[in-house]
Amino acid sequence: MSKRLVHTPEGVRDIYGSEYERKLQIQTILNKQFVSFGYHNIQTPTFEFFDVFGKDIGTTPSKELYKFFDKEGNTLVLRPDFTPSIARCAAKYYMEETLPVRFTYTGNTFTNTSSLQGKLKEVTQTGVEYIGDDSVEADAELITLAVQTLLSAGLKEFQISIGEIEYFKGLCEEAGLDKETELKVREQISMKNYFGVEELLLDRKISKEKIEAFLKITELFGSFDSLGEAEKLVTNERSKRACMRLKELYQLLEISGVAEYVSFDMGMVSKYNYYTGIIFRAYTYGVGDAVLTGGRYDDLLSYFGKDAAAVGFMIVVDDLMSALASQKITPQTEKDRIMLLFEKADYAEAFRLAEKNRAQGKKVALYARDEAKSKEDYLRFAKSNFTDEVWLLQKDQVEKIQTAAME
């Protein structure tokens, strides 16, 4: 057999044993938090028609999509992002609904990024989408939920940085930039290439004063006070309204008790062009990227035929796990995994004992003792396979050994 058969392609990996147990546990914790806010679980297909993630939507670039064809010749895509899929689903099944609906999801996404970036091409995402409410109160709910969700996962030291894409768009409008130039400026800012921004605007004959404003927004980050500075920098109403909305948002976050976890970044932009209002990212130490990203996308559903505002966020579970591991944070688990080791003659008693404990919610794996293996072999196996206790059954006597106490 070729050794190549047991290896995975670059960018994907196997997750098993205790790591996968922790992943499932974290997903359960996050989902419980989402559901407590009234969000309903939803599942969308792993692949969709190409147009669901097309260029017009402003989602993942075509070159980063995994594309293939069905027997009818349709171009299909493995989902790179949940938001367009949820938007399509909401437009299909809730077309006539005028009251807000809330969805939560968990699943894998696929992005064909360059191997040089060193990133996984398949990751697990979980998140929420709040559809049908354009209010600042809806924004506040999402930020509050984001904070409480990260706290429930065990993180204590993190910061949610909030920006407003309308502020940036107002500045572009004020400078008279066309759509193509706006997208290029956004791309340069997202890459922190401020020399590129200056060069691009000089090439478009933009005034020095306006160029200074674009470069200045990259310095507008920090506390609530930075919003006042941002408002003074512009003269257009669109950007000023964005500042006022962020001020309203902050007041609501003070009421919900999460303002201490929030800062502002007026130079924040996103690689997804469908965002129309607030955008936000949560950062903590131990990972290079944001562990949570989100924002408002009031125009996306209209692409699928439904006129409805929306806001949401997603967490890359793999990145959250890395952050928790780096910070040596282990979610609390029930000590309920048992290896029940028995002699073959004691099968009936072993089965009865296992069923009794399974009925109480414990997880019991039966192992008929192999004479070729020692007691230590089973104890070693139990400890390395995330088992909490080993029960040694001999006739009607049970010896219980805690694997945590083993050297």
Protein backbone atom coordinates (compact mmCIF):
# COMPACT_ATOMS: atom_id res chain seq x y z
CA MET A 1 0.00 0.00 0.00
CA SER A 2 1.25 3.48 -0.88
CA LYS A 3 2.13 5.66 2.13
CA ARG A 4 0.57 8.54 0.23
CA LEU A 5 -2.88 7.04 0.82
CA VAL A 6 -2.75 7.71 4.56
CA HIS A 7 -1.83 11.39 4.16
CA THR A 8 -4.27 14.26 3.71
CA PRO A 9 -3.97 16.94 1.01
CA GLU A 10 -2.30 20.20 1.97
CA GLY A 11 -4.59 22.53 3.90
CA VAL A 12 -6.82 19.87 5.51
CA ARG A 13 -6.28 17.67 8.56
CA ASP A 14 -7.73 14.87 10.66
CA ILE A 15 -9.08 15.75 14.10
CA TYR A 16 -9.54 12.86 16.52
CA GLY A 17 -9.31 11.73 20.13
CA SER A 18 -9.27 14.30 22.90
CA GLU A 19 -8.87 17.21 20.45
CA TYR A 20 -12.11 16.32 18.68
CA GLU A 21 -13.86 15.80 22.02
CA ARG A 22 -12.86 19.35 23.00
CA LYS A 23 -13.99 20.69 19.64
CA LEU A 24 -17.45 19.13 19.99
CA GLN A 25 -17.68 20.43 23.54
CA ILE A 26 -16.79 23.98 22.48
CA GLN A 27 -19.33 23.85 19.65
CA THR A 28 -21.98 22.72 22.15
CA ILE A 29 -21.13 25.59 24.52
CA LEU A 30 -21.31 28.15 21.71
CA ASN A 31 -24.58 26.77 20.34
CA LYS A 32 -26.16 26.82 23.80
CA GLN A 33 -25.29 30.52 24.08
CA PHE A 34 -26.74 31.31 20.64
CA VAL A 35 -29.97 29.43 21.37
CA SER A 36 -30.33 31.27 24.70
CA PHE A 37 -30.72 34.50 22.68
CA GLY A 38 -33.53 32.99 20.60
CA TYR A 39 -31.53 31.88 17.54
CA HIS A 40 -32.78 28.79 15.69
CA ASN A 41 -30.46 26.15 14.26
CA ILE A 42 -30.33 25.92 10.48
CA GLN A 43 -28.42 23.71 8.03
CA THR A 44 -27.61 24.68 4.45
CA PRO A 45 -25.93 22.55 1.72
CA THR A 46 -22.17 22.07 1.71
CA PHE A 47 -22.17 23.12 -1.95
CA GLU A 48 -24.28 25.68 -3.82
CA PHE A 49 -24.63 27.08 -7.32
CA PHE A 50 -21.68 29.28 -8.29
CA ASP A 51 -23.87 32.41 -8.48
CA VAL A 52 -24.63 32.26 -4.74
CA PHE A 53 -21.00 33.31 -4.19
CA GLY A 54 -20.63 35.31 -7.41
CA LYS A 55 -18.64 38.49 -7.94
CA ASP A 56 -21.76 40.67 -7.77
CA ILE A 57 -22.32 39.69 -4.15
CA GLY A 58 -18.84 40.72 -3.03
CA THR A 59 -17.91 37.47 -1.30
CA THR A 60 -14.82 35.25 -1.71
CA PRO A 61 -12.87 35.82 -4.98
CA SER A 62 -13.52 33.22 -7.68
CA LYS A 63 -9.89 32.05 -7.68
CA GLU A 64 -10.25 31.00 -4.02
CA LEU A 65 -13.36 28.88 -4.61
CA TYR A 66 -13.45 25.10 -5.01
CA LYS A 67 -15.51 24.70 -8.20
CA PHE A 68 -16.83 21.60 -9.93
CA PHE A 69 -19.60 20.55 -12.34
CA ASP A 70 -22.66 18.36 -11.96
CA LYS A 71 -23.98 16.04 -14.70
CA GLU A 72 -26.17 18.82 -16.09
CA GLY A 73 -23.17 21.11 -16.56
CA ASN A 74 -24.01 23.49 -13.69
CA THR A 75 -21.03 25.08 -11.94
CA LEU A 76 -21.15 24.26 -8.23
CA VAL A 77 -19.05 25.60 -5.36
CA LEU A 78 -18.07 24.25 -1.96
CA ARG A 79 -19.24 27.02 0.40
CA PRO A 80 -16.43 29.40 1.41
CA ASP A 81 -18.70 31.49 3.64
CA PHE A 82 -22.03 30.81 5.35
CA THR A 83 -23.62 34.26 5.10
CA PRO A 84 -24.68 34.15 1.41
CA SER A 85 -26.10 30.64 1.95
CA ILE A 86 -28.16 31.77 4.95
CA ALA A 87 -29.31 34.84 2.99
CA ARG A 88 -30.44 32.62 0.09
CA CYS A 89 -32.26 30.30 2.47
CA ALA A 90 -34.02 33.17 4.27
CA ALA A 91 -35.11 34.67 0.95
CA LYS A 92 -36.52 31.32 -0.16
CA TYR A 93 -38.44 30.29 2.96
CA TYR A 94 -39.17 33.65 4.64
CA MET A 95 -39.90 35.81 1.60
CA GLU A 96 -43.17 37.22 3.01
CA GLU A 97 -42.04 37.44 6.65
CA THR A 98 -41.85 41.03 7.89
CA LEU A 99 -40.74 40.36 11.48
CA PRO A 100 -37.08 39.61 12.30
CA VAL A 101 -35.83 36.01 12.20
CA ARG A 102 -32.74 34.62 13.91
CA PHE A 103 -30.58 31.74 12.69
CA THR A 104 -27.53 29.93 14.03
CA TYR A 105 -25.37 27.47 12.09
CA THR A 106 -22.33 25.24 12.41
CA GLY A 107 -20.43 23.59 9.57
CA ASN A 108 -17.28 23.48 7.49
CA THR A 109 -16.20 26.05 4.90
CA PHE A 110 -13.66 25.61 2.10
CA THR A 111 -11.30 28.23 0.70
CA ASN A 112 -8.63 27.49 -1.92
CA THR A 113 -6.02 29.84 -0.50
CA SER A 114 -2.33 29.80 -1.38
CA SER A 115 -0.31 27.15 0.42
CA LEU A 116 2.24 29.87 1.20
CA GLN A 117 -0.25 31.48 3.60
CA GLY A 118 -0.01 28.45 5.87
CA LYS A 119 -3.75 28.46 6.57
CA LEU A 120 -6.19 25.58 6.68
CA LYS A 121 -8.34 25.33 3.58
CA GLU A 122 -11.14 23.60 5.46
CA VAL A 123 -12.29 25.05 8.79
CA THR A 124 -15.33 24.78 11.02
CA GLN A 125 -17.40 27.92 11.41
CA THR A 126 -20.27 28.62 13.77
CA GLY A 127 -22.24 31.83 13.97
CA VAL A 128 -25.51 33.73 13.93
CA GLU A 129 -27.52 35.81 11.47
CA TYR A 130 -30.20 38.30 12.60
CA ILE A 131 -32.40 39.08 9.58
CA GLY A 132 -35.06 41.77 9.21
CA ASP A 133 -33.93 44.46 11.67
CA ASP A 134 -31.88 47.51 10.65
CA SER A 135 -31.84 49.10 14.12
CA VAL A 136 -28.85 49.96 16.26
CA GLU A 137 -30.45 47.77 18.94
CA ALA A 138 -29.91 44.77 16.64
CA ASP A 139 -26.25 45.75 16.30
CA ALA A 140 -26.01 45.95 20.09
CA GLU A 141 -27.55 42.49 20.47
CA LEU A 142 -24.93 40.97 18.17
CA ILE A 143 -22.00 42.63 19.96
CA THR A 144 -23.42 41.64 23.35
CA LEU A 145 -23.93 38.06 22.17
CA ALA A 146 -20.39 37.99 20.75
CA VAL A 147 -18.90 39.04 24.10
CA GLN A 148 -21.01 36.62 26.14
CA THR A 149 -20.23 33.78 23.72
CA LEU A 150 -16.46 34.23 23.99
CA LEU A 151 -16.75 34.45 27.77
CA SER A 152 -18.80 31.24 27.85
CA ALA A 153 -16.04 29.49 25.87
CA GLY A 154 -13.57 30.42 28.61
CA LEU A 155 -11.78 33.44 27.13
CA LYS A 156 -11.20 36.28 29.57
CA GLU A 157 -8.77 38.57 27.77
CA PHE A 158 -10.10 39.71 24.41
CA GLN A 159 -11.19 42.89 22.67
CA ILE A 160 -13.87 43.49 20.07
CA SER A 161 -12.83 46.17 17.61
CA ILE A 162 -15.73 47.92 15.84
CA GLY A 163 -15.66 49.89 12.60
CA GLU A 164 -18.29 51.38 10.29
CA ILE A 165 -18.03 50.81 6.55
CA GLU A 166 -20.44 53.73 5.96
CA TYR A 167 -17.79 56.06 7.39
CA PHE A 168 -15.30 54.87 4.78
CA LYS A 169 -17.88 55.03 1.96
CA GLY A 170 -18.82 58.57 2.95
CA LEU A 171 -15.17 59.57 2.75
CA CYS A 172 -14.93 57.99 -0.73
CA GLU A 173 -18.05 59.88 -1.78
CA GLU A 174 -16.62 63.13 -0.42
CA ALA A 175 -13.43 62.57 -2.43
CA GLY A 176 -15.41 61.76 -5.59
CA LEU A 177 -13.99 58.24 -6.01
CA ASP A 178 -15.59 55.88 -8.51
CA LYS A 179 -16.53 52.34 -7.47
CA GLU A 180 -13.40 50.76 -8.94
CA THR A 181 -11.08 53.15 -7.10
CA GLU A 182 -13.05 52.69 -3.87
CA LEU A 183 -12.51 48.93 -4.03
CA LYS A 184 -8.80 49.37 -4.72
CA VAL A 185 -8.41 51.80 -1.81
CA ARG A 186 -10.30 49.38 0.44
CA GLU A 187 -7.97 46.57 -0.62
CA GLN A 188 -4.85 48.65 0.12
CA ILE A 189 -6.17 49.71 3.53
CA SER A 190 -7.08 46.10 4.43
CA MET A 191 -3.46 45.13 3.65
CA LYS A 192 -2.20 48.09 5.76
CA ASN A 193 -0.44 49.39 2.63
CA TYR A 194 -0.80 53.12 3.30
CA PHE A 195 1.85 54.07 0.75
CA GLY A 196 -0.26 52.21 -1.79
CA VAL A 197 -3.32 54.24 -0.73
CA GLU A 198 -1.44 57.51 -1.16
CA GLU A 199 -0.02 56.52 -4.55
CA LEU A 200 -3.41 55.38 -5.81
CA LEU A 201 -5.15 58.61 -4.78
CA LEU A 202 -2.39 60.82 -6.17
CA ASP A 203 -2.75 58.99 -9.47
CA ARG A 204 -6.48 59.85 -9.43
CA LYS A 205 -5.65 63.55 -8.86
CA ILE A 206 -7.33 63.60 -5.43
CA SER A 207 -6.56 66.70 -3.36
CA LYS A 208 -3.86 66.54 -0.70
CA GLU A 209 -6.43 67.38 1.99
CA LYS A 210 -8.62 64.41 1.05
CA ILE A 211 -5.62 62.08 0.85
CA GLU A 212 -4.63 63.15 4.36
CA ALA A 213 -8.14 62.26 5.54
CA PHE A 214 -7.83 58.72 4.12
CA LEU A 215 -4.45 58.25 5.78
CA LYS A 216 -5.73 59.74 9.04
CA ILE A 217 -8.57 57.21 9.45
CA THR A 218 -5.99 54.47 9.95
CA GLU A 219 -4.98 56.27 13.15
CA LEU A 220 -8.55 56.60 14.46
CA PHE A 221 -8.77 53.66 16.81
CA GLY A 222 -9.18 53.16 20.52
CA SER A 223 -11.75 54.29 23.05
CA PHE A 224 -15.10 56.07 22.68
CA ASP A 225 -13.21 59.38 22.35
CA SER A 226 -11.88 58.36 18.92
CA LEU A 227 -15.42 58.72 17.53
CA GLY A 228 -15.35 62.46 18.22
CA GLU A 229 -12.05 62.79 16.36
CA ALA A 230 -13.47 60.79 13.45
CA GLU A 231 -16.49 63.07 13.22
CA LYS A 232 -14.31 66.20 13.09
CA LEU A 233 -12.26 64.76 10.23
CA VAL A 234 -15.15 64.69 7.72
CA THR A 235 -17.71 67.13 6.34
CA ASN A 236 -20.08 64.69 4.59
CA GLU A 237 -23.33 63.61 6.25
CA ARG A 238 -22.89 59.91 5.47
CA SER A 239 -19.73 59.61 7.55
CA LYS A 240 -21.16 61.79 10.33
CA ARG A 241 -24.26 59.56 10.56
CA ALA A 242 -21.97 56.55 10.89
CA CYS A 243 -20.21 58.21 13.84
CA MET A 244 -23.54 59.05 15.49
CA ARG A 245 -24.73 55.46 15.11
CA LEU A 246 -21.56 54.14 16.76
CA LYS A 247 -22.10 56.55 19.66
CA GLU A 248 -25.65 55.22 20.08
CA LEU A 249 -24.30 51.68 19.89
CA TYR A 250 -21.78 52.36 22.65
CA GLN A 251 -24.51 53.66 24.97
CA LEU A 252 -26.48 50.43 24.45
CA LEU A 253 -23.37 48.33 25.11
CA GLU A 254 -22.89 50.18 28.39
CA ILE A 255 -26.44 49.16 29.34
CA SER A 256 -25.78 45.50 28.45
CA GLY A 257 -22.54 45.57 30.46
CA VAL A 258 -20.06 44.69 27.70
CA ALA A 259 -18.62 48.13 26.84
CA GLU A 260 -15.33 47.28 28.57
CA TYR A 261 -14.63 44.68 25.87
CA VAL A 262 -15.15 47.14 23.01
CA SER A 263 -12.88 49.54 21.11
CA PHE A 264 -13.31 51.40 17.81
CA ASP A 265 -11.32 51.34 14.57
CA MET A 266 -12.54 53.74 11.88
CA GLY A 267 -9.97 52.40 9.42
CA MET A 268 -11.41 48.89 9.56
CA VAL A 269 -12.57 47.48 6.22
CA SER A 270 -13.46 43.93 5.17
CA LYS A 271 -12.52 41.63 2.30
CA TYR A 272 -16.26 40.99 1.88
CA ASN A 273 -17.85 43.81 -0.10
CA TYR A 274 -21.39 42.98 1.02
CA TYR A 275 -20.98 44.72 4.40
CA THR A 276 -22.96 47.98 4.63
CA GLY A 277 -22.75 49.17 8.25
CA ILE A 278 -20.87 48.13 11.36
CA ILE A 279 -18.10 45.58 11.02
CA PHE A 280 -16.36 44.05 14.00
CA ARG A 281 -13.62 41.60 14.93
CA ALA A 282 -12.61 39.98 18.20
CA TYR A 283 -8.92 39.58 18.97
CA THR A 284 -7.14 37.66 21.69
CA TYR A 285 -3.59 36.44 22.14
CA GLY A 286 -2.39 33.06 20.92
CA VAL A 287 -3.69 33.35 17.33
CA GLY A 288 -2.73 35.70 14.52
CA ASP A 289 -6.20 36.25 13.08
CA ALA A 290 -9.44 37.47 14.63
CA VAL A 291 -11.31 34.66 16.42
CA LEU A 292 -14.67 36.28 15.59
CA THR A 293 -15.72 38.49 12.67
CA GLY A 294 -19.04 40.02 11.73
CA GLY A 295 -20.99 42.97 10.46
CA ARG A 296 -24.12 44.39 8.88
CA TYR A 297 -25.14 43.45 5.33
CA ASP A 298 -28.40 45.25 4.54
CA ASP A 299 -28.28 44.76 0.75
CA LEU A 300 -27.27 41.10 0.46
CA LEU A 301 -30.73 39.56 0.71
CA SER A 302 -32.03 41.76 -2.11
CA TYR A 303 -29.67 39.83 -4.42
CA PHE A 304 -31.89 36.81 -3.71
CA GLY A 305 -35.14 38.76 -4.06
CA LYS A 306 -35.93 39.73 -0.45
CA ASP A 307 -35.63 43.31 0.80
CA ALA A 308 -34.39 42.89 4.38
CA ALA A 309 -31.61 44.26 6.55
CA ALA A 310 -29.34 41.81 8.37
CA VAL A 311 -26.41 41.58 10.75
CA GLY A 312 -24.38 38.58 11.91
CA PHE A 313 -21.05 37.16 13.01
CA MET A 314 -19.08 33.95 12.77
CA ILE A 315 -16.42 32.19 14.83
CA VAL A 316 -13.77 29.95 13.31
CA VAL A 317 -13.90 27.14 15.86
CA ASP A 318 -10.38 25.94 14.97
CA ASP A 319 -8.92 29.39 15.73
CA LEU A 320 -10.86 29.65 18.99
CA MET A 321 -9.47 26.26 20.03
CA SER A 322 -5.93 27.45 19.25
CA ALA A 323 -6.47 30.56 21.36
CA LEU A 324 -7.81 28.52 24.29
CA ALA A 325 -4.89 26.09 24.03
CA SER A 326 -2.33 28.94 23.90
CA GLN A 327 -3.88 30.48 27.00
CA LYS A 328 -4.03 27.07 28.72
CA ILE A 329 -7.80 27.28 29.09
CA THR A 330 -9.56 23.91 29.16
CA PRO A 331 -13.37 23.82 29.17
CA GLN A 332 -14.82 22.00 32.17
CA THR A 333 -15.98 18.50 31.27
CA GLU A 334 -18.10 15.88 32.98
CA LYS A 335 -15.99 12.97 34.24
CA ASP A 336 -18.26 10.38 32.65
CA ARG A 337 -16.16 8.30 30.23
CA ILE A 338 -15.55 4.79 31.50
CA MET A 339 -13.60 1.80 30.20
CA LEU A 340 -15.19 -1.33 31.69
CA LEU A 341 -12.65 -4.16 31.52
CA PHE A 342 -13.99 -7.67 32.19
CA GLU A 343 -13.18 -11.34 31.90
CA LYS A 344 -15.18 -13.11 29.19
CA ALA A 345 -16.89 -15.26 31.80
CA ASP A 346 -18.30 -12.08 33.38
CA TYR A 347 -19.93 -10.72 30.21
CA ALA A 348 -23.50 -10.78 31.58
CA GLU A 349 -22.56 -8.78 34.68
CA ALA A 350 -20.42 -6.38 32.61
CA PHE A 351 -23.29 -5.73 30.20
CA ARG A 352 -25.76 -5.16 33.07
CA LEU A 353 -23.37 -2.72 34.78
CA ALA A 354 -22.69 -0.85 31.53
CA GLU A 355 -26.41 -0.46 30.74
CA LYS A 356 -27.15 0.78 34.27
CA ASN A 357 -24.52 3.52 33.98
CA ARG A 358 -25.45 4.43 30.39
CA ALA A 359 -29.01 5.04 31.62
CA GLN A 360 -27.51 7.54 34.09
CA GLY A 361 -25.83 9.45 31.25
CA LYS A 362 -22.35 7.95 31.55
CA LYS A 363 -20.40 6.80 28.48
CA VAL A 364 -19.27 3.21 28.94
CA ALA A 365 -17.07 1.21 26.54
CA LEU A 366 -16.84 -2.55 27.15
CA TYR A 367 -13.49 -4.30 26.72
CA ALA A 368 -13.19 -8.10 27.02
CA ARG A 369 -9.78 -8.76 28.50
CA ASP A 370 -7.18 -10.21 26.13
CA GLU A 371 -4.81 -12.55 27.97
CA ALA A 372 -1.93 -11.36 25.77
CA LYS A 373 -2.27 -7.84 27.18
CA SER A 374 -1.44 -6.64 30.67
CA LYS A 375 -3.49 -4.43 32.97
CA GLU A 376 -0.97 -1.64 32.29
CA ASP A 377 -1.63 -1.90 28.53
CA TYR A 378 -5.30 -1.14 29.10
CA LEU A 379 -4.58 1.69 31.54
CA ARG A 380 -2.16 3.31 29.10
CA PHE A 381 -4.70 3.02 26.29
CA ALA A 382 -7.46 4.49 28.46
CA LYS A 383 -5.39 7.49 29.47
CA SER A 384 -4.30 8.27 25.91
CA ASN A 385 -7.86 7.95 24.59
CA PHE A 386 -9.58 10.52 26.79
CA THR A 387 -11.16 8.02 29.22
CA ASP A 388 -11.84 9.30 32.75
CA GLU A 389 -12.05 6.01 34.65
CA VAL A 390 -11.12 2.36 34.19
CA TRP A 391 -13.36 -0.14 35.94
CA LEU A 392 -11.84 -3.59 36.44
CA LEU A 393 -14.64 -6.15 36.86
CA GLN A 394 -13.88 -9.52 38.36
CA LYS A 395 -17.04 -11.50 39.11
CA ASP A 396 -19.07 -9.10 41.27
CA GLN A 397 -16.15 -6.92 42.40
CA VAL A 398 -15.31 -3.60 40.66
CA GLU A 399 -12.00 -1.75 41.07
CA LYS A 400 -12.19 1.89 39.89
CA ILE A 401 -9.06 3.72 38.71
CA GLN A 402 -9.01 7.46 37.88
CA THR A 403 -6.88 8.03 34.77
CA ALA A 404 -6.10 11.61 35.87
CA ALA A 405 -4.23 10.20 38.88
CA MET A 406 -2.06 7.95 36.73
CA GLU A 407 1.53 8.97 35.98
